[in-house]
Amino acid sequence: MSQESPRHLPPEALDGWMAEVAQLLEIEETVDIGAVLDLTRDVAHDVARPAAPLTTFALGLALGRLPDDQYEAKFTEFQNALTRLAAEQKES
């Protein structure tokens, strides 16, 4: 059984994928792919790899509970706070 190597794509190459995901999940396509990937990378490297998808899932839950007009500001606020938290974990 041959195993394919993972594909490494730039964030903009994931636009089509995220459009399909948004349609399937019946959500608006407002994901800042680069920012989510940056957060995921920071958590994976500073905390643990399994913490990365769990953190982005929790971020999505938190953002999904907000009114639309708060989404952008809170996304940035939460992203910065989670990145700091991950960095603190690395230092401890």
Protein backbone atom coordinates (compact mmCIF):
# COMPACT_ATOMS: atom_id res chain seq x y z
CA MET A 1 0.00 0.00 0.00
CA SER A 2 1.57 3.27 -1.06
CA GLN A 3 1.14 6.31 1.09
CA GLU A 4 0.80 9.71 -0.55
CA SER A 5 2.83 12.53 0.90
CA PRO A 6 0.79 15.43 2.27
CA ARG A 7 0.26 18.33 -0.10
CA HIS A 8 1.57 21.68 1.01
CA LEU A 9 -0.52 24.47 -0.41
CA PRO A 10 -0.40 28.21 0.16
CA PRO A 11 -3.43 29.63 1.99
CA GLU A 12 -4.90 31.12 -1.19
CA ALA A 13 -4.98 27.65 -2.78
CA LEU A 14 -7.47 26.64 -0.09
CA ASP A 15 -10.09 29.18 -1.19
CA GLY A 16 -11.94 26.62 -3.30
CA TRP A 17 -11.90 24.06 -0.51
CA MET A 18 -13.25 26.57 2.01
CA ALA A 19 -15.99 27.64 -0.43
CA GLU A 20 -17.14 24.02 -0.60
CA VAL A 21 -16.89 23.62 3.18
CA ALA A 22 -18.93 26.80 3.74
CA GLN A 23 -21.61 25.61 1.33
CA LEU A 24 -21.79 22.17 2.93
CA LEU A 25 -22.01 23.62 6.45
CA GLU A 26 -24.44 26.33 5.34
CA ILE A 27 -22.29 29.15 6.65
CA GLU A 28 -21.01 32.37 5.14
CA GLU A 29 -17.54 32.15 3.69
CA THR A 30 -15.72 34.68 5.89
CA VAL A 31 -12.69 32.71 6.99
CA ASP A 32 -9.30 34.44 7.06
CA ILE A 33 -7.43 31.32 6.03
CA GLY A 34 -3.97 32.75 6.62
CA ALA A 35 -4.84 33.90 10.14
CA VAL A 36 -6.39 30.55 11.06
CA LEU A 37 -3.35 28.70 9.72
CA ASP A 38 -1.01 31.01 11.62
CA LEU A 39 -2.89 30.35 14.86
CA THR A 40 -2.95 26.62 14.18
CA ARG A 41 0.81 26.61 13.54
CA ASP A 42 1.54 28.57 16.72
CA VAL A 43 -0.56 26.28 18.90
CA ALA A 44 0.86 23.14 17.28
CA HIS A 45 4.45 24.29 17.83
CA ASP A 46 4.07 25.96 21.22
CA VAL A 47 1.59 23.63 22.93
CA ALA A 48 1.10 20.31 21.11
CA ARG A 49 -0.03 19.24 17.66
CA PRO A 50 -3.34 17.80 18.90
CA ALA A 51 -4.11 21.13 20.58
CA ALA A 52 -4.16 22.94 17.23
CA PRO A 53 -7.42 21.59 15.75
CA LEU A 54 -9.07 21.64 19.16
CA THR A 55 -8.16 25.30 19.60
CA THR A 56 -9.42 26.34 16.17
CA PHE A 57 -12.64 24.38 16.77
CA ALA A 58 -13.17 26.21 20.08
CA LEU A 59 -12.44 29.51 18.34
CA GLY A 60 -15.08 28.70 15.74
CA LEU A 61 -17.63 27.89 18.43
CA ALA A 62 -16.92 31.16 20.22
CA LEU A 63 -17.17 33.19 17.02
CA GLY A 64 -20.36 31.42 15.98
CA ARG A 65 -22.12 32.68 19.09
CA LEU A 66 -21.40 36.34 18.31
CA PRO A 67 -23.52 38.81 16.40
CA ASP A 68 -22.19 39.34 12.86
CA ASP A 69 -21.09 42.90 13.57
CA GLN A 70 -18.66 41.70 16.27
CA TYR A 71 -17.07 38.88 14.28
CA GLU A 72 -14.04 40.68 12.80
CA ALA A 73 -12.96 42.50 15.95
CA LYS A 74 -13.46 39.45 18.16
CA PHE A 75 -11.66 37.17 15.70
CA THR A 76 -8.57 39.35 15.94
CA GLU A 77 -8.90 39.68 19.72
CA PHE A 78 -9.34 35.94 20.24
CA GLN A 79 -6.55 35.08 17.78
CA ASN A 80 -4.11 37.36 19.59
CA ALA A 81 -5.13 36.04 23.02
CA LEU A 82 -4.79 32.42 21.92
CA THR A 83 -1.40 33.07 20.33
CA ARG A 84 -0.20 34.68 23.59
CA LEU A 85 -1.56 31.75 25.60
CA ALA A 86 0.27 29.29 23.36
CA ALA A 87 3.52 31.27 23.70
CA GLU A 88 3.12 31.24 27.50
CA GLN A 89 2.72 27.45 27.41
CA LYS A 90 5.95 27.15 25.45
CA GLU A 91 7.81 29.27 28.01
CA SER A 92 6.55 27.31 31.02
